[in-house]
Protein backbone atom coordinates (compact mmCIF):
# COMPACT_ATOMS: atom_id res chain seq x y z
CA MET A 1 110.99 110.99 35.85
CA CYS A 2 113.96 108.88 37.24
CA GLY A 3 113.66 110.33 40.70
CA VAL A 4 114.16 113.65 42.57
CA PHE A 5 117.95 114.74 42.90
CA VAL A 6 119.20 116.32 46.34
CA SER A 7 122.79 118.58 47.45
CA ALA A 8 123.56 119.96 50.28
CA LEU A 9 124.00 122.96 47.54
CA GLY A 10 120.99 122.92 45.82
CA ASP A 11 117.77 124.86 46.36
CA ASP A 12 114.39 123.71 47.53
CA SER A 13 112.51 125.93 45.47
CA SER A 14 114.14 124.06 42.37
CA LEU A 15 112.40 120.42 40.72
CA GLY A 16 114.90 118.42 41.89
CA THR A 17 116.49 117.87 38.89
CA GLN A 18 119.96 116.56 38.08
CA GLY A 19 120.69 120.26 36.59
CA ALA A 20 118.42 121.35 39.57
CA PRO A 21 118.55 119.71 42.94
CA VAL A 22 116.87 120.10 45.98
CA GLN A 23 118.90 121.21 49.41
CA THR A 24 117.27 119.24 52.09
CA LEU A 25 116.49 115.65 52.05
CA GLN A 26 113.02 115.78 53.30
CA HIS A 27 111.49 118.03 50.58
CA ALA A 28 112.88 116.03 48.27
CA ILE A 29 111.52 112.85 49.78
CA GLY A 30 107.99 114.42 49.54
CA LEU A 31 108.12 115.91 45.91
CA ALA A 32 109.45 111.73 45.50
CA ALA A 33 106.64 110.90 47.35
CA HIS A 34 103.66 112.70 45.87
CA GLY A 35 105.17 114.38 42.60
CA ARG A 36 106.32 117.51 41.59
CA GLY A 37 102.46 118.82 40.47
CA HIS A 38 101.57 119.46 37.13
CA GLY A 39 99.64 115.95 36.90
CA GLU A 40 103.87 114.33 37.55
CA GLY A 41 103.23 111.14 39.30
CA PRO A 42 105.21 110.23 41.87
CA THR A 43 108.65 108.90 41.53
CA ARG A 44 109.21 107.37 44.70
CA ARG A 45 113.43 107.65 44.10
CA VAL A 46 115.47 110.32 46.00
CA TYR A 47 119.03 110.77 45.25
CA ALA A 48 121.23 112.52 47.32
CA CYS A 49 125.10 113.39 46.80
CA GLY A 50 127.32 111.89 49.34
CA GLY A 51 128.07 115.13 52.06
CA SER A 52 126.18 116.29 55.32
CA PHE A 53 122.54 116.80 56.06
CA GLU A 54 121.75 117.87 59.47
CA GLU A 55 117.65 117.46 59.18
CA LYS A 56 115.94 114.32 60.48
CA ILE A 57 113.94 112.67 57.61
CA THR A 58 110.59 110.39 57.83
CA LEU A 59 110.59 107.89 54.89
CA PRO A 60 107.53 106.94 53.61
CA SER A 61 107.53 102.81 52.76
CA GLY A 62 108.06 102.93 49.14
CA VAL A 63 110.54 105.61 48.69
CA ASP A 64 113.67 104.71 48.32
CA LEU A 65 116.48 106.88 49.12
CA TRP A 66 119.95 106.05 46.95
CA GLY A 67 122.57 108.02 49.14
CA GLY A 68 126.79 108.65 48.46
CA ARG A 69 125.96 110.17 44.91
CA ARG A 70 129.49 111.98 43.21
CA CYS A 71 128.27 114.87 42.30
CA ASP A 72 131.05 116.74 40.78
CA GLY A 73 130.53 117.35 37.30
CA GLY A 74 126.61 116.44 37.90
CA ASP A 75 126.96 112.84 36.96
CA TRP A 76 125.87 111.76 39.73
CA SER A 77 127.32 108.13 39.92
CA TYR A 78 128.72 105.92 42.51
CA GLU A 79 131.08 103.94 42.68
CA GLY A 80 130.09 101.85 45.85
CA SER A 81 133.42 103.16 47.87
CA PHE A 82 133.34 105.05 51.14
CA ASP A 83 137.05 105.36 51.30
CA GLY A 84 137.38 106.97 47.70
CA PRO A 85 137.03 110.27 46.82
CA ASP A 86 132.95 109.93 47.23
CA HIS A 87 131.38 109.64 50.63
CA PRO A 88 128.01 108.62 51.77
CA THR A 89 124.89 110.42 52.56
CA ILE A 90 125.64 111.59 55.91
CA ILE A 91 121.95 112.11 58.13
CA ALA A 92 123.30 113.83 61.34
CA PRO A 93 120.68 115.88 63.36
CA PRO A 94 122.33 117.55 66.05
CA VAL A 95 118.99 116.32 67.99
CA GLY A 96 116.48 113.83 67.38
CA ILE A 97 116.05 110.64 65.32
CA PRO A 98 118.18 110.50 61.87
CA LEU A 99 115.74 108.48 60.04
CA ARG A 100 111.78 107.45 60.79
CA VAL A 101 109.94 104.66 57.62
CA LEU A 102 106.24 104.84 58.42
CA GLY A 103 104.59 102.04 57.26
CA GLY A 104 100.41 101.07 57.79
CA ASN A 105 98.20 103.50 57.37
CA ASP A 106 101.46 106.48 57.98
CA ALA A 107 102.60 105.08 54.34
CA VAL A 108 101.19 107.23 51.70
CA ILE A 109 103.11 105.76 48.89
CA ALA A 110 100.99 102.88 46.41
CA GLY A 111 102.04 100.58 44.66
CA ASP A 112 103.17 96.94 44.38
CA ASP A 113 106.43 97.02 46.34
CA ALA A 114 106.19 98.92 49.56
CA THR A 115 109.68 98.14 50.70
CA SER A 116 112.03 101.38 50.65
CA VAL A 117 115.47 100.93 49.80
CA ILE A 118 118.45 103.20 51.84
CA PHE A 119 122.03 102.59 50.21
CA GLY A 120 125.04 104.65 50.47
CA VAL A 121 123.54 106.33 53.94
CA ARG A 122 125.19 106.99 57.02
CA ALA A 123 122.64 107.44 59.75
CA VAL A 124 124.20 108.66 62.76
CA ALA A 125 122.43 109.67 66.06
CA ALA A 126 123.94 112.19 68.27
CA ASP A 127 124.16 110.95 72.25
CA ALA A 128 121.29 111.47 73.76
CA SER A 129 119.61 113.20 71.33
CA ALA A 130 116.33 110.66 71.32
CA ASP A 131 112.55 112.12 72.23
CA ASP A 132 113.61 111.27 76.28
CA GLY A 133 116.37 113.79 76.06
CA LYS A 134 118.43 110.21 77.10
CA SER A 135 118.64 107.51 74.73
CA SER A 136 120.39 107.46 71.04
CA ILE A 137 118.96 106.12 68.49
CA ALA A 138 119.35 106.41 64.75
CA MET A 139 116.42 104.62 63.01
CA ILE A 140 113.09 103.77 63.82
CA LEU A 141 110.63 101.33 61.33
CA SER A 142 106.87 102.54 62.20
CA GLN A 143 104.10 99.70 62.55
CA GLY A 144 103.94 97.80 59.09
CA ALA A 145 107.37 99.73 57.53
CA LYS A 146 109.38 97.75 55.08
CA ALA A 147 112.90 98.81 54.71
CA LYS A 148 115.87 97.04 52.89
CA VAL A 149 119.20 98.86 53.95
CA VAL A 150 122.69 98.36 51.32
CA SER A 151 126.02 99.28 51.84
CA SER A 152 125.30 102.31 54.73
CA ASP A 153 125.95 102.51 58.40
CA VAL A 154 123.87 102.97 61.38
CA ILE A 155 125.77 104.47 64.26
CA VAL A 156 124.45 105.94 67.89
CA GLY A 157 126.14 107.31 70.36
CA ASP A 158 125.99 106.96 74.15
CA GLY A 159 123.18 107.15 76.25
CA LYS A 160 122.78 109.69 78.99
CA ASP A 161 122.75 108.68 82.62
CA GLY A 162 119.03 108.31 83.76
CA GLU A 163 118.02 111.58 86.45
CA ALA A 164 118.27 110.96 90.29
CA GLY A 165 114.63 110.36 91.91
CA LYS A 166 113.79 113.33 94.18
CA ASP A 167 115.06 113.33 97.99
CA ALA A 168 111.90 113.87 100.39
CA HIS A 169 112.55 116.95 102.47
CA THR A 170 115.68 116.65 104.47
CA TYR A 171 113.61 118.17 107.25
CA ARG A 172 112.29 115.97 109.68
CA ALA A 173 108.07 115.78 109.58
CA THR A 174 105.19 117.66 111.60
CA ASP A 175 106.00 117.16 115.06
CA GLY A 176 103.88 115.75 117.74
CA VAL A 177 101.87 118.64 120.20
CA GLU A 178 102.39 118.70 124.04
CA GLY A 179 99.59 117.31 126.79
CA ASN A 180 97.29 119.13 128.34
CA HIS A 181 97.84 119.66 132.19
CA GLY A 182 94.93 118.74 134.30
CA ALA A 183 93.27 120.76 137.06
CA SER A 184 95.05 121.19 140.57
CA ALA A 185 92.55 119.26 143.59
CA CYS A 186 89.59 121.44 145.15
CA THR A 187 89.86 124.29 142.01
CA ALA A 188 86.71 122.53 140.44
CA ASP A 189 83.73 121.23 141.25
CA ALA A 190 83.94 118.78 138.15
CA ALA A 191 87.57 118.87 137.39
CA VAL A 192 87.51 116.98 134.12
CA GLY A 193 90.48 115.21 133.02
CA ALA A 194 92.86 117.25 130.50
CA LEU A 195 91.63 117.59 126.79
CA PRO A 196 93.40 115.40 124.23
CA VAL A 197 95.85 117.26 121.66
CA VAL A 198 95.70 115.83 118.00
CA ASN A 199 98.84 116.36 115.20
CA PHE A 200 97.24 116.37 111.81
CA CYS A 201 99.34 114.74 109.56
CA ASP A 202 98.48 115.63 105.75
CA ASP A 203 98.19 111.45 104.75
CA GLY A 204 95.03 111.79 106.60
CA ILE A 205 96.53 109.76 110.01
CA GLU A 206 95.76 111.76 113.44
CA SER A 207 97.90 111.15 116.44
CA THR A 208 95.83 112.02 119.44
CA GLY A 209 97.08 111.91 123.11
CA GLY A 210 94.51 110.38 125.20
CA TYR A 211 92.15 112.44 127.90
CA GLY A 212 93.27 112.71 131.13
CA GLY A 213 91.17 110.84 134.09
CA ASP A 214 88.66 113.11 135.98
CA GLY A 215 89.31 113.85 139.26
CA GLY A 216 86.30 112.51 141.60
CA LEU A 217 85.36 112.54 145.56
CA ASP A 218 86.31 108.84 146.08
CA GLY A 219 88.03 107.97 143.07
CA GLY A 220 90.04 109.34 140.13
CA GLY A 221 88.88 108.42 136.66
CA ASP A 222 90.88 106.70 134.24
CA GLY A 223 92.50 107.84 131.01
CA ALA A 224 91.84 107.04 127.96
CA PRO A 225 94.23 105.73 125.47
CA GLY A 226 96.41 107.00 122.91
CA LYS A 227 95.85 106.79 118.50
CA PRO A 228 96.29 105.15 116.66
CA GLU A 229 96.35 101.97 118.90
CA PRO A 230 99.09 99.28 117.02
CA ALA A 231 97.07 96.29 115.69
CA GLU A 232 98.96 94.38 117.78
CA ASN A 233 100.10 96.03 121.46
CA PRO A 234 101.58 93.10 123.77
CA GLN A 235 103.85 95.68 125.76
CA GLY A 236 101.36 97.94 126.12
CA PHE A 237 101.96 101.20 124.48
CA GLY A 238 99.94 104.24 124.69
CA ALA A 239 97.64 102.56 127.37
CA ALA A 240 95.49 104.57 129.64
CA GLY A 241 96.61 105.55 133.20
CA LEU A 242 94.03 104.29 135.75
CA GLY A 243 92.63 106.63 138.46
CA ALA A 244 93.39 106.62 142.11
CA GLY A 245 91.17 104.16 144.41
CA SER A 246 92.88 102.09 146.68
CA GLU A 247 95.71 102.95 145.10
CA ILE A 248 97.52 106.12 143.61
CA CYS A 249 96.74 106.92 139.79
CA THR A 250 99.39 105.42 137.31
CA ALA A 251 100.42 107.58 134.58
CA GLY A 252 99.59 107.01 130.71
CA ALA A 253 101.90 104.85 128.84
CA ASP A 254 104.13 106.43 126.17
CA GLY A 255 102.66 105.74 122.65
CA ALA A 256 104.38 103.29 120.09
CA PRO A 257 106.58 104.73 117.58
CA GLY A 258 105.79 105.05 113.79
CA ALA A 259 106.85 102.11 111.35
CA SER A 260 109.71 103.03 109.60
CA SER A 261 109.51 102.41 105.86
CA GLY A 262 112.17 99.67 104.41
CA ARG A 263 114.21 100.90 101.02
CA ALA A 264 111.79 100.13 98.11
CA ASP A 265 113.01 97.80 95.31
CA GLY A 266 114.85 98.83 92.06
CA ALA A 267 113.76 98.83 88.44
CA VAL A 268 113.32 95.50 86.63
CA GLY A 269 112.89 94.10 83.78
CA GLU A 270 113.36 95.13 79.78
CA GLY A 271 111.77 98.09 79.50
CA TYR A 272 109.44 98.20 75.93
CA LEU A 273 109.19 99.76 72.99
CA ASP A 274 107.25 102.85 71.25
CA ILE A 275 106.87 105.20 68.37
CA HIS A 276 109.83 107.29 70.49
CA GLY A 277 112.33 104.34 71.02
CA TRP A 278 112.79 102.34 74.14
CA VAL A 279 111.03 103.07 77.52
CA GLY A 280 112.74 101.77 80.37
CA GLY A 281 111.30 101.57 84.07
CA LYS A 282 112.00 103.77 86.82
CA GLY A 283 112.60 102.75 90.48
CA LYS A 284 109.69 102.29 93.24
CA ASP A 285 108.72 105.06 95.13
CA GLY A 286 109.69 104.66 99.09
CA MET A 287 106.59 104.38 101.25
CA LYS A 288 105.71 106.39 103.67
CA GLY A 289 106.76 106.51 107.65
CA GLY A 290 103.82 105.32 110.07
CA ALA A 291 102.83 108.11 112.42
CA GLY A 292 103.72 107.50 116.08
CA GLN A 293 101.02 106.97 118.60
CA GLY A 294 99.44 109.40 121.17
CA GLY A 295 101.05 108.94 124.58
CA GLY A 296 97.94 107.55 127.04
CA GLY A 297 96.25 110.03 129.38
CA GLY A 298 96.80 110.07 132.89
CA GLY A 299 94.85 108.71 135.58
CA GLY A 300 92.78 110.98 137.84
CA SER A 301 92.73 111.49 141.55
CA LYS A 302 90.39 111.58 144.38
CA SER A 303 89.75 113.93 147.43
CA ARG A 304 88.53 112.01 150.03
CA GLY A 305 89.72 108.97 151.93
CA ASP A 306 92.59 108.47 154.23
CA MET A 307 93.66 111.96 152.74
CA VAL A 308 92.34 115.17 153.93
CA ALA A 309 90.02 116.20 151.78
CA CYS A 310 89.07 119.47 150.14
CA PRO A 311 88.48 122.14 152.38
CA VAL A 312 84.99 123.68 153.24
CA GLY A 313 83.57 126.00 150.57
CA ARG A 314 86.02 124.91 148.17
CA PRO A 315 85.23 122.92 145.20
CA GLN A 316 85.45 119.21 146.45
CA SER A 317 86.84 117.13 143.52
CA GLY A 318 90.55 115.68 143.34
CA ALA A 319 93.44 116.85 140.88
CA ALA A 320 92.55 115.64 136.78
CA GLY A 321 95.10 113.52 134.80
CA GLY A 322 97.06 114.82 131.89
CA SER A 323 96.52 114.07 128.90
CA GLY A 324 99.14 112.61 126.62
CA GLY A 325 101.07 114.10 124.12
CA SER A 326 100.36 113.30 120.38
CA GLY A 327 103.01 111.71 118.35
CA GLY A 328 104.68 113.11 115.57
CA CYS A 329 103.90 111.98 111.42
CA GLY A 330 105.68 109.96 109.36
CA GLY A 331 108.26 111.00 106.72
CA GLU A 332 107.50 111.28 102.97
CA GLY A 333 109.30 108.43 100.78
CA GLY A 334 111.77 109.69 98.16
CA ARG A 335 110.80 109.23 94.25
CA GLY A 336 112.32 106.68 92.23
CA GLY A 337 115.12 107.18 90.34
CA GLY A 338 114.98 107.31 86.40
CA TYR A 339 115.70 105.05 83.58
CA GLY A 340 118.92 105.17 81.84
CA GLY A 341 119.03 106.59 78.12
CA ALA A 342 119.22 103.64 75.31
CA SER A 343 121.84 103.21 72.36
CA ILE A 344 119.99 101.60 70.27
CA ALA A 345 120.80 101.45 66.33
CA ILE A 346 117.59 100.18 65.06
CA VAL A 347 113.94 100.06 66.39
CA ALA A 348 111.72 97.67 64.51
CA LEU A 349 107.84 97.87 65.74
CA GLU A 350 105.72 95.55 65.49
CA ASP A 351 104.68 94.04 62.10
CA SER A 352 107.63 96.11 59.97
CA GLU A 353 110.09 94.03 57.77
CA LEU A 354 113.89 94.60 57.96
CA GLU A 355 116.41 93.39 55.89
CA LEU A 356 120.34 94.25 56.08
CA ASP A 357 122.75 93.81 53.54
CA ALA A 358 126.89 94.40 53.98
CA THR A 359 125.34 97.36 56.47
CA LYS A 360 127.40 98.35 59.44
CA VAL A 361 125.44 98.49 62.85
CA VAL A 362 127.11 100.59 65.48
CA ALA A 363 125.52 100.79 68.85
CA GLY A 364 127.25 102.86 71.91
CA ASN A 365 126.83 102.53 75.44
CA GLY A 366 123.52 103.03 77.71
CA GLY A 367 123.09 105.35 80.27
CA ASN A 368 123.12 104.28 84.27
CA GLY A 369 120.16 103.99 85.79
CA GLY A 370 119.23 107.35 88.26
CA ALA A 371 120.07 106.75 92.31
CA GLY A 372 116.89 106.82 94.30
CA GLY A 373 115.44 109.44 96.30
CA THR A 374 115.77 109.47 100.15
CA GLY A 375 113.36 109.45 102.45
CA GLN A 376 112.48 112.08 105.20
CA PRO A 377 112.93 111.83 109.05
CA GLY A 378 109.64 111.21 110.92
CA GLY A 379 108.45 113.90 113.47
CA VAL A 380 108.84 113.81 117.33
CA GLY A 381 106.60 112.78 119.52
CA ARG A 382 106.27 115.34 122.25
CA TRP A 383 105.63 115.35 126.04
CA GLY A 384 102.20 114.56 127.78
CA GLY A 385 101.02 117.07 130.45
CA HIS A 386 101.90 116.79 134.22
CA GLY A 387 98.54 115.56 136.21
CA GLY A 388 97.10 118.22 138.32
CA ASN A 389 98.33 118.56 142.24
CA GLY A 390 96.95 117.75 145.27
CA LEU A 391 96.54 119.82 148.73
CA THR A 392 100.21 121.02 149.38
CA ASP A 393 101.18 119.39 153.03
CA THR A 394 98.39 117.47 153.71
CA GLY A 395 99.35 114.30 152.14
CA MET A 396 96.22 114.21 149.32
CA TRP A 397 97.35 112.67 146.03
CA GLY A 398 98.27 114.58 143.52
CA ALA A 399 97.15 113.30 139.77
CA CYS A 400 98.87 111.36 137.23
CA ASP A 401 100.87 112.33 133.99
CA GLY A 402 100.12 111.92 131.00
CA GLY A 403 102.21 109.47 128.33
CA ARG A 404 105.37 111.15 125.94
CA GLY A 405 104.24 110.65 121.86
CA GLY A 406 105.85 108.43 119.68
CA ASN A 407 108.03 109.40 116.84
CA GLY A 408 107.22 109.02 113.82
CA GLY A 409 108.69 106.80 111.33
CA ARG A 410 110.80 107.59 108.61
CA GLY A 411 109.92 107.59 105.30
CA GLY A 412 111.53 104.72 102.61
CA ASP A 413 114.30 105.31 100.86
CA ALA A 414 113.72 104.73 97.02
CA GLY A 415 114.91 102.13 94.61
CA GLY A 416 116.76 102.54 91.60
CA GLY A 417 116.09 103.22 88.28
CA LEU A 418 116.69 100.87 85.57
CA GLY A 419 119.89 100.71 83.02
CA GLY A 420 119.39 101.66 79.75
CA ALA A 421 119.76 99.25 76.70
CA ALA A 422 122.66 98.76 74.48
CA ILE A 423 121.13 97.07 71.19
CA GLY A 424 122.09 96.49 67.51
CA ILE A 425 118.47 96.20 66.38
CA ALA A 426 115.44 96.42 68.81
CA TYR A 427 112.31 94.58 67.51
CA VAL A 428 108.98 93.60 68.36
CA VAL A 429 108.39 90.34 65.80
CA PRO A 430 111.18 88.39 63.98
CA HIS A 431 110.71 89.53 60.10
CA LEU A 432 114.08 90.11 60.20
CA THR A 433 116.97 89.05 57.32
CA ILE A 434 120.46 89.70 57.94
CA LEU A 435 122.13 89.19 54.72
CA PRO A 436 126.60 88.63 54.76
CA GLY A 437 128.58 91.97 55.05
CA THR A 438 126.51 93.10 57.88
CA THR A 439 128.54 93.67 60.95
CA PHE A 440 127.46 94.76 64.50
CA GLU A 441 129.88 96.53 67.14
CA ILE A 442 127.59 97.11 70.76
CA GLY A 443 128.92 98.65 73.59
CA HIS A 444 127.79 98.06 77.47
CA PRO A 445 124.55 97.91 78.88
CA GLY A 446 124.02 100.54 81.70
CA GLY A 447 124.50 99.88 85.21
CA GLY A 448 121.03 99.82 87.52
CA GLY A 449 120.79 102.75 89.49
CA TYR A 450 121.71 102.53 93.76
CA ALA A 451 118.87 102.88 96.11
CA GLY A 452 118.47 106.13 98.01
CA ASN A 453 121.44 106.18 100.88
CA ALA A 454 122.71 103.20 99.52
CA ALA A 455 126.59 103.00 99.54
CA LEU A 456 128.62 101.87 96.61
CA GLY A 457 128.38 97.84 96.05
CA ASP A 458 125.08 98.04 98.04
CA GLU A 459 122.90 95.81 95.93
CA VAL A 460 119.41 96.07 98.02
CA GLY A 461 116.91 98.17 96.23
CA ARG A 462 119.36 98.51 92.98
CA GLY A 463 117.64 98.94 89.48
CA ALA A 464 118.32 96.30 86.74
CA ALA A 465 121.17 96.06 84.64
CA GLY A 466 119.97 97.18 80.85
CA PRO A 467 119.51 94.72 78.09
CA GLN A 468 121.59 94.19 75.51
CA GLY A 469 122.40 92.44 72.55
CA GLN A 470 123.00 92.77 68.72
CA LEU A 471 119.51 91.46 68.18
CA TYR A 472 117.21 92.02 71.09
CA ARG A 473 113.10 90.77 71.22
CA PHE A 474 111.06 93.09 73.40
CA GLY A 475 106.96 92.04 73.74
CA ALA A 476 104.42 92.87 71.51
CA ALA A 477 101.95 96.16 72.55
CA ASN A 478 99.25 93.71 74.51
CA GLU A 479 102.18 92.93 76.48
CA LEU A 480 103.29 96.06 77.56
CA PRO A 481 102.62 97.17 81.37
CA ARG A 482 99.70 98.84 81.92
């Protein structure tokens, strides 16, 4: 009735007595929490031999774990020295969080004392072994859990560097389409200007070269401007060419280049805690580059006036203008770098209570944040179509060319990820008691990841370094990012 006894040399089919111990810690915890059956009540205590157990365990609040027992000779004594013949119960799974303490509705143990005593234990987390695949965390107290850790070690390895953000395509975005050529003079009764060309970009933006101006008898029609027109356009990008009248026609203007996106911001802040441990921030994704504007359509020409008109019996219209070329599509932005893995010995969530007595807390180094991905080059704008020709050797004016489409803007480089935390005890509310004899050894936090295309030492778009400290308070659940 003292408790359930566990040894690495035991057998889980045994009753868990001193003479017949079970083999695994988790099985022993289950027997202590629920009883061995046959009407036996829960003993709420586990006694574990010194030695290594490569398993991760879950301990309901109210169940004690007394480790470091001397099992030679069957006396199950504890002499209190890790340097002597006894040594601690080492909980060191190759993957996962070694020790979780449950509380609230997750803890099924009834009784006046809902605090778990953890004594003579060494919980060791391997590098980058937590649920996110890159953090190292040895112990988590869930909401409402209560634990007293005595004469124990809580040791974690290093966090892994965050993953680099995905680069956008290295090949350029979709190029524009060359404009259509205008009809020559005396080839059609109604020389309609060259039809526009459209570049359909995958973000729904359309870059359209302007219509060419119609050919006429006494005057040519104006072309149409290229699309999309800039919000402000004092330089007249993509303007339509003017049709011939008293003067010869004018060509359509070249379209404006699409705006290139700048470098995105790196991740900032401290991250937050959840049931899996610590979650950092990802760098911001790069923005898409702007589509280039289509070129303006060239002006149409005429067939009558000071010039020789089209011969009798042939169509009489002047030459039609060429349409503008369409602009290139904007490049895609790179993806933000991932956060570096944390090295946190103990995570204590909301409403949990933790007391440390003569316990050693060791945290390693946080992983560096991942670099941001690079943006994609924009597509090339294409030439406008040629205006139709006038009659050879007669001095009749030809029509004018369409403008060239603008190049698409380069997609933005993404920001770097947040560096990983290096913390002894990460907690949400300060229900902590640190008694004499407890020591802390804390490594370095991870540095923030660089932005895409950033040179070493270029801080623009770099993520922040991770948080660090023996104790570090994080926001509550209602303060988490949405």
